[in-house]
Amino acid sequence: MEEENDISILNLIEKNISKIKASHNPLKKASYIAVVEKLCEAYQEQLNAELINTSVSDKHIKVNTRLDGKEIN
């Protein structure tokens, strides 16, 4: 699911960049740039959430593992 969100956000960023390149209207360009900025912020938040989840998972694994690497039941 997260990977699908990555692709969707990145696709939207790409589409809006194409619109910026194609547009000759400065107001539309500014609008597309604002959308790209918001999409980048959303993507950054998603990446941060994934990093936090990964970090929590790693800590859980470490807590359930003995010094010799065997898992504690």
PDB file of N, CA and C in Angstrom:
ATOM      1  N   MET A   1       0.825  -1.185   0.000  1.00  0.00           N
ATOM      2  CA  MET A   1       0.000   0.000   0.000  1.00  0.00           C
ATOM      3  C   MET A   1       0.871   1.252   0.000  1.00  0.00           C
ATOM      4  N   GLU A   2       1.903   1.276   0.866  1.00  0.00           N
ATOM      5  CA  GLU A   2       2.773   2.439   0.916  1.00  0.00           C
ATOM      6  C   GLU A   2       3.477   2.641  -0.415  1.00  0.00           C
ATOM      7  N   GLU A   3       3.870   1.551  -1.052  1.00  0.00           N
ATOM      8  CA  GLU A   3       4.548   1.649  -2.338  1.00  0.00           C
ATOM      9  C   GLU A   3       3.613   2.242  -3.391  1.00  0.00           C
ATOM     10  N   GLU A   4       2.338   1.864  -3.357  1.00  0.00           N
ATOM     11  CA  GLU A   4       1.360   2.432  -4.286  1.00  0.00           C
ATOM     12  C   GLU A   4       1.209   3.927  -4.054  1.00  0.00           C
ATOM     13  N   ASN A   5       1.193   4.339  -2.779  1.00  0.00           N
ATOM     14  CA  ASN A   5       1.115   5.761  -2.457  1.00  0.00           C
ATOM     15  C   ASN A   5       2.324   6.502  -2.983  1.00  0.00           C
ATOM     16  N   ASP A   6       3.523   5.889  -2.843  1.00  0.00           N
ATOM     17  CA  ASP A   6       4.738   6.507  -3.373  1.00  0.00           C
ATOM     18  C   ASP A   6       4.594   6.766  -4.858  1.00  0.00           C
ATOM     19  N   ILE A   7       4.145   5.746  -5.577  1.00  0.00           N
ATOM     20  CA  ILE A   7       4.012   5.858  -7.029  1.00  0.00           C
ATOM     21  C   ILE A   7       2.973   6.914  -7.385  1.00  0.00           C
ATOM     22  N   SER A   8       1.861   6.934  -6.667  1.00  0.00           N
ATOM     23  CA  SER A   8       0.815   7.914  -6.946  1.00  0.00           C
ATOM     24  C   SER A   8       1.304   9.337  -6.717  1.00  0.00           C
ATOM     25  N   ILE A   9       1.954   9.566  -5.591  1.00  0.00           N
ATOM     26  CA  ILE A   9       2.457  10.910  -5.297  1.00  0.00           C
ATOM     27  C   ILE A   9       3.515  11.306  -6.319  1.00  0.00           C
ATOM     28  N   LEU A  10       4.418  10.405  -6.609  1.00  0.00           N
ATOM     29  CA  LEU A  10       5.471  10.722  -7.579  1.00  0.00           C
ATOM     30  C   LEU A  10       4.898  10.964  -8.969  1.00  0.00           C
ATOM     31  N   ASN A  11       3.883  10.200  -9.340  1.00  0.00           N
ATOM     32  CA  ASN A  11       3.235  10.418 -10.637  1.00  0.00           C
ATOM     33  C   ASN A  11       2.562  11.783 -10.695  1.00  0.00           C
ATOM     34  N   LEU A  12       1.913  12.175  -9.609  1.00  0.00           N
ATOM     35  CA  LEU A  12       1.273  13.490  -9.568  1.00  0.00           C
ATOM     36  C   LEU A  12       2.306  14.612  -9.651  1.00  0.00           C
ATOM     37  N   ILE A  13       3.420  14.424  -8.980  1.00  0.00           N
ATOM     38  CA  ILE A  13       4.498  15.422  -9.056  1.00  0.00           C
ATOM     39  C   ILE A  13       4.978  15.536 -10.495  1.00  0.00           C
ATOM     40  N   GLU A  14       5.201  14.396 -11.125  1.00  0.00           N
ATOM     41  CA  GLU A  14       5.676  14.372 -12.513  1.00  0.00           C
ATOM     42  C   GLU A  14       4.683  15.051 -13.460  1.00  0.00           C
ATOM     43  N   LYS A  15       3.398  14.751 -13.289  1.00  0.00           N
ATOM     44  CA  LYS A  15       2.372  15.352 -14.148  1.00  0.00           C
ATOM     45  C   LYS A  15       2.332  16.866 -13.990  1.00  0.00           C
ATOM     46  N   ASN A  16       2.449  17.337 -12.747  1.00  0.00           N
ATOM     47  CA  ASN A  16       2.411  18.777 -12.519  1.00  0.00           C
ATOM     48  C   ASN A  16       3.664  19.472 -13.037  1.00  0.00           C
ATOM     49  N   ILE A  17       4.790  18.800 -12.987  1.00  0.00           N
ATOM     50  CA  ILE A  17       6.011  19.364 -13.568  1.00  0.00           C
ATOM     51  C   ILE A  17       5.847  19.485 -15.078  1.00  0.00           C
ATOM     52  N   SER A  18       5.233  18.494 -15.700  1.00  0.00           N
ATOM     53  CA  SER A  18       4.968  18.567 -17.143  1.00  0.00           C
ATOM     54  C   SER A  18       4.046  19.742 -17.467  1.00  0.00           C
ATOM     55  N   LYS A  19       3.058  19.969 -16.606  1.00  0.00           N
ATOM     56  CA  LYS A  19       2.151  21.100 -16.806  1.00  0.00           C
ATOM     57  C   LYS A  19       2.892  22.426 -16.679  1.00  0.00           C
ATOM     58  N   ILE A  20       3.833  22.496 -15.745  1.00  0.00           N
ATOM     59  CA  ILE A  20       4.639  23.715 -15.583  1.00  0.00           C
ATOM     60  C   ILE A  20       5.419  23.987 -16.868  1.00  0.00           C
ATOM     61  N   LYS A  21       6.042  22.941 -17.396  1.00  0.00           N
ATOM     62  CA  LYS A  21       6.846  23.086 -18.614  1.00  0.00           C
ATOM     63  C   LYS A  21       5.998  23.497 -19.807  1.00  0.00           C
ATOM     64  N   ALA A  22       4.773  22.967 -19.885  1.00  0.00           N
ATOM     65  CA  ALA A  22       3.915  23.206 -21.046  1.00  0.00           C
ATOM     66  C   ALA A  22       3.161  24.536 -20.976  1.00  0.00           C
ATOM     67  N   SER A  23       2.968  25.049 -19.789  1.00  0.00           N
ATOM     68  CA  SER A  23       2.143  26.246 -19.619  1.00  0.00           C
ATOM     69  C   SER A  23       2.901  27.523 -19.993  1.00  0.00           C
ATOM     70  N   HIS A  24       2.160  28.458 -20.581  1.00  0.00           N
ATOM     71  CA  HIS A  24       2.720  29.769 -20.905  1.00  0.00           C
ATOM     72  C   HIS A  24       2.118  30.845 -20.006  1.00  0.00           C
ATOM     73  N   ASN A  25       1.204  30.434 -19.141  1.00  0.00           N
ATOM     74  CA  ASN A  25       0.522  31.361 -18.249  1.00  0.00           C
ATOM     75  C   ASN A  25       1.233  31.367 -16.886  1.00  0.00           C
ATOM     76  N   PRO A  26       1.810  32.506 -16.501  1.00  0.00           N
ATOM     77  CA  PRO A  26       2.539  32.569 -15.228  1.00  0.00           C
ATOM     78  C   PRO A  26       1.687  32.223 -14.004  1.00  0.00           C
ATOM     79  N   LEU A  27       0.399  32.581 -14.024  1.00  0.00           N
ATOM     80  CA  LEU A  27      -0.466  32.251 -12.888  1.00  0.00           C
ATOM     81  C   LEU A  27      -0.688  30.750 -12.773  1.00  0.00           C
ATOM     82  N   LYS A  28      -0.876  30.091 -13.915  1.00  0.00           N
ATOM     83  CA  LYS A  28      -1.042  28.632 -13.893  1.00  0.00           C
ATOM     84  C   LYS A  28       0.254  27.958 -13.441  1.00  0.00           C
ATOM     85  N   LYS A  29       1.384  28.473 -13.929  1.00  0.00           N
ATOM     86  CA  LYS A  29       2.670  27.901 -13.512  1.00  0.00           C
ATOM     87  C   LYS A  29       2.826  27.997 -11.997  1.00  0.00           C
ATOM     88  N   ALA A  30       2.485  29.164 -11.442  1.00  0.00           N
ATOM     89  CA  ALA A  30       2.592  29.361  -9.998  1.00  0.00           C
ATOM     90  C   ALA A  30       1.684  28.381  -9.254  1.00  0.00           C
ATOM     91  N   SER A  31       0.506  28.150  -9.798  1.00  0.00           N
ATOM     92  CA  SER A  31      -0.436  27.217  -9.183  1.00  0.00           C
ATOM     93  C   SER A  31       0.117  25.787  -9.213  1.00  0.00           C
ATOM     94  N   TYR A  32       0.670  25.393 -10.344  1.00  0.00           N
ATOM     95  CA  TYR A  32       1.243  24.049 -10.466  1.00  0.00           C
ATOM     96  C   TYR A  32       2.449  23.882  -9.534  1.00  0.00           C
ATOM     97  N   ILE A  33       3.237  24.936  -9.403  1.00  0.00           N
ATOM     98  CA  ILE A  33       4.397  24.884  -8.501  1.00  0.00           C
ATOM     99  C   ILE A  33       3.928  24.693  -7.062  1.00  0.00           C
ATOM    100  N   ALA A  34       2.870  25.400  -6.679  1.00  0.00           N
ATOM    101  CA  ALA A  34       2.329  25.250  -5.323  1.00  0.00           C
ATOM    102  C   ALA A  34       1.848  23.816  -5.082  1.00  0.00           C
ATOM    103  N   VAL A  35       1.235  23.227  -6.095  1.00  0.00           N
ATOM    104  CA  VAL A  35       0.767  21.839  -5.973  1.00  0.00           C
ATOM    105  C   VAL A  35       1.961  20.902  -5.810  1.00  0.00           C
ATOM    106  N   VAL A  36       3.005  21.111  -6.596  1.00  0.00           N
ATOM    107  CA  VAL A  36       4.202  20.273  -6.502  1.00  0.00           C
ATOM    108  C   VAL A  36       4.822  20.396  -5.108  1.00  0.00           C
ATOM    109  N   GLU A  37       4.868  21.616  -4.577  1.00  0.00           N
ATOM    110  CA  GLU A  37       5.417  21.812  -3.233  1.00  0.00           C
ATOM    111  C   GLU A  37       4.618  21.026  -2.195  1.00  0.00           C
ATOM    112  N   LYS A  38       3.298  21.075  -2.282  1.00  0.00           N
ATOM    113  CA  LYS A  38       2.447  20.338  -1.327  1.00  0.00           C
ATOM    114  C   LYS A  38       2.628  18.830  -1.482  1.00  0.00           C
ATOM    115  N   LEU A  39       2.732  18.377  -2.717  1.00  0.00           N
ATOM    116  CA  LEU A  39       2.942  16.949  -2.957  1.00  0.00           C
ATOM    117  C   LEU A  39       4.295  16.493  -2.398  1.00  0.00           C
ATOM    118  N   CYS A  40       5.304  17.332  -2.545  1.00  0.00           N
ATOM    119  CA  CYS A  40       6.629  17.003  -1.989  1.00  0.00           C
ATOM    120  C   CYS A  40       6.565  16.929  -0.472  1.00  0.00           C
ATOM    121  N   GLU A  41       5.834  17.845   0.139  1.00  0.00           N
ATOM    122  CA  GLU A  41       5.663  17.813   1.598  1.00  0.00           C
ATOM    123  C   GLU A  41       4.956  16.525   2.030  1.00  0.00           C
ATOM    124  N   ALA A  42       3.932  16.140   1.294  1.00  0.00           N
ATOM    125  CA  ALA A  42       3.199  14.907   1.620  1.00  0.00           C
ATOM    126  C   ALA A  42       4.109  13.690   1.474  1.00  0.00           C
ATOM    127  N   TYR A  43       4.916  13.681   0.431  1.00  0.00           N
ATOM    128  CA  TYR A  43       5.840  12.575   0.205  1.00  0.00           C
ATOM    129  C   TYR A  43       6.881  12.508   1.328  1.00  0.00           C
ATOM    130  N   GLN A  44       7.390  13.676   1.751  1.00  0.00           N
ATOM    131  CA  GLN A  44       8.358  13.724   2.842  1.00  0.00           C
ATOM    132  C   GLN A  44       7.749  13.198   4.139  1.00  0.00           C
ATOM    133  N   GLU A  45       6.507  13.579   4.424  1.00  0.00           N
ATOM    134  CA  GLU A  45       5.826  13.087   5.627  1.00  0.00           C
ATOM    135  C   GLU A  45       5.662  11.571   5.576  1.00  0.00           C
ATOM    136  N   GLN A  46       5.333  11.064   4.402  1.00  0.00           N
ATOM    137  CA  GLN A  46       5.166   9.623   4.250  1.00  0.00           C
ATOM    138  C   GLN A  46       6.497   8.904   4.483  1.00  0.00           C
ATOM    139  N   LEU A  47       7.577   9.444   3.929  1.00  0.00           N
ATOM    140  CA  LEU A  47       8.894   8.837   4.131  1.00  0.00           C
ATOM    141  C   LEU A  47       9.288   8.869   5.608  1.00  0.00           C
ATOM    142  N   ASN A  48       9.009   9.986   6.276  1.00  0.00           N
ATOM    143  CA  ASN A  48       9.313  10.090   7.702  1.00  0.00           C
ATOM    144  C   ASN A  48       8.534   9.050   8.503  1.00  0.00           C
ATOM    145  N   ALA A  49       7.268   8.861   8.177  1.00  0.00           N
ATOM    146  CA  ALA A  49       6.443   7.866   8.868  1.00  0.00           C
ATOM    147  C   ALA A  49       7.003   6.465   8.650  1.00  0.00           C
ATOM    148  N   GLU A  50       7.454   6.179   7.432  1.00  0.00           N
ATOM    149  CA  GLU A  50       8.036   4.870   7.152  1.00  0.00           C
ATOM    150  C   GLU A  50       9.318   4.667   7.948  1.00  0.00           C
ATOM    151  N   LEU A  51      10.120   5.712   8.067  1.00  0.00           N
ATOM    152  CA  LEU A  51      11.359   5.605   8.833  1.00  0.00           C
ATOM    153  C   LEU A  51      11.077   5.363  10.307  1.00  0.00           C
ATOM    154  N   ILE A  52      10.077   6.033  10.837  1.00  0.00           N
ATOM    155  CA  ILE A  52       9.695   5.843  12.242  1.00  0.00           C
ATOM    156  C   ILE A  52       9.206   4.423  12.463  1.00  0.00           C
ATOM    157  N   ASN A  53       8.356   3.922  11.561  1.00  0.00           N
ATOM    158  CA  ASN A  53       7.846   2.548  11.688  1.00  0.00           C
ATOM    159  C   ASN A  53       8.972   1.526  11.606  1.00  0.00           C
ATOM    160  N   THR A  54       9.926   1.763  10.713  1.00  0.00           N
ATOM    161  CA  THR A  54      11.064   0.857  10.577  1.00  0.00           C
ATOM    162  C   THR A  54      11.886   0.872  11.851  1.00  0.00           C
ATOM    163  N   SER A  55      12.093   2.047  12.396  1.00  0.00           N
ATOM    164  CA  SER A  55      12.872   2.185  13.627  1.00  0.00           C
ATOM    165  C   SER A  55      12.197   1.457  14.783  1.00  0.00           C
ATOM    166  N   VAL A  56      10.890   1.577  14.908  1.00  0.00           N
ATOM    167  CA  VAL A  56      10.147   0.904  15.976  1.00  0.00           C
ATOM    168  C   VAL A  56      10.240  -0.606  15.794  1.00  0.00           C
ATOM    169  N   SER A  57      10.117  -1.084  14.567  1.00  0.00           N
ATOM    170  CA  SER A  57      10.209  -2.520  14.296  1.00  0.00           C
ATOM    171  C   SER A  57      11.585  -3.053  14.674  1.00  0.00           C
ATOM    172  N   ASP A  58      12.634  -2.311  14.348  1.00  0.00           N
ATOM    173  CA  ASP A  58      13.997  -2.733  14.686  1.00  0.00           C
ATOM    174  C   ASP A  58      14.173  -2.843  16.184  1.00  0.00           C
ATOM    175  N   LYS A  59      13.632  -1.892  16.937  1.00  0.00           N
ATOM    176  CA  LYS A  59      13.751  -1.922  18.394  1.00  0.00           C
ATOM    177  C   LYS A  59      13.022  -3.131  18.951  1.00  0.00           C
ATOM    178  N   HIS A  60      11.870  -3.454  18.379  1.00  0.00           N
ATOM    179  CA  HIS A  60      11.104  -4.610  18.829  1.00  0.00           C
ATOM    180  C   HIS A  60      11.915  -5.887  18.623  1.00  0.00           C
ATOM    181  N   ILE A  61      12.547  -5.989  17.489  1.00  0.00           N
ATOM    182  CA  ILE A  61      13.353  -7.173  17.193  1.00  0.00           C
ATOM    183  C   ILE A  61      14.520  -7.254  18.169  1.00  0.00           C
ATOM    184  N   LYS A  62      15.175  -6.148  18.441  1.00  0.00           N
ATOM    185  CA  LYS A  62      16.326  -6.148  19.341  1.00  0.00           C
ATOM    186  C   LYS A  62      15.928  -6.532  20.761  1.00  0.00           C
ATOM    187  N   VAL A  63      14.755  -6.111  21.204  1.00  0.00           N
ATOM    188  CA  VAL A  63      14.292  -6.435  22.553  1.00  0.00           C
ATOM    189  C   VAL A  63      14.042  -7.934  22.685  1.00  0.00           C
ATOM    190  N   ASN A  64      13.602  -8.568  21.625  1.00  0.00           N
ATOM    191  CA  ASN A  64      13.279  -9.990  21.660  1.00  0.00           C
ATOM    192  C   ASN A  64      14.452 -10.879  21.250  1.00  0.00           C
ATOM    193  N   THR A  65      15.646 -10.325  21.216  1.00  0.00           N
ATOM    194  CA  THR A  65      16.810 -11.094  20.798  1.00  0.00           C
ATOM    195  C   THR A  65      17.869 -11.078  21.898  1.00  0.00           C
ATOM    196  N   ARG A  66      18.402 -12.249  22.207  1.00  0.00           N
ATOM    197  CA  ARG A  66      19.457 -12.338  23.214  1.00  0.00           C
ATOM    198  C   ARG A  66      20.771 -11.849  22.604  1.00  0.00           C
ATOM    199  N   LEU A  67      21.762 -11.716  23.450  1.00  0.00           N
ATOM    200  CA  LEU A  67      23.081 -11.248  22.994  1.00  0.00           C
ATOM    201  C   LEU A  67      23.690 -12.211  21.977  1.00  0.00           C
ATOM    202  N   ASP A  68      23.378 -13.494  22.101  1.00  0.00           N
ATOM    203  CA  ASP A  68      23.943 -14.462  21.150  1.00  0.00           C
ATOM    204  C   ASP A  68      23.139 -14.540  19.854  1.00  0.00           C
ATOM    205  N   GLY A  69      22.125 -13.674  19.706  1.00  0.00           N
ATOM    206  CA  GLY A  69      21.351 -13.595  18.477  1.00  0.00           C
ATOM    207  C   GLY A  69      20.120 -14.484  18.432  1.00  0.00           C
ATOM    208  N   LYS A  70      19.933 -15.316  19.473  1.00  0.00           N
ATOM    209  CA  LYS A  70      18.763 -16.188  19.496  1.00  0.00           C
ATOM    210  C   LYS A  70      17.542 -15.404  20.015  1.00  0.00           C
ATOM    211  N   GLU A  71      16.398 -15.761  19.483  1.00  0.00           N
ATOM    212  CA  GLU A  71      15.168 -15.063  19.854  1.00  0.00           C
ATOM    213  C   GLU A  71      14.643 -15.539  21.201  1.00  0.00           C
ATOM    214  N   ILE A  72      14.148 -14.599  21.997  1.00  0.00           N
ATOM    215  CA  ILE A  72      13.553 -14.909  23.295  1.00  0.00           C
ATOM    216  C   ILE A  72      12.067 -15.115  23.089  1.00  0.00           C
ATOM    217  N   ASN A  73      11.541 -16.213  23.615  1.00  0.00           N
ATOM    218  CA  ASN A  73      10.099 -16.499  23.460  1.00  0.00           C
ATOM    219  C   ASN A  73       9.294 -15.914  24.592  1.00  0.00           C
TER     220      ASN A  73
END
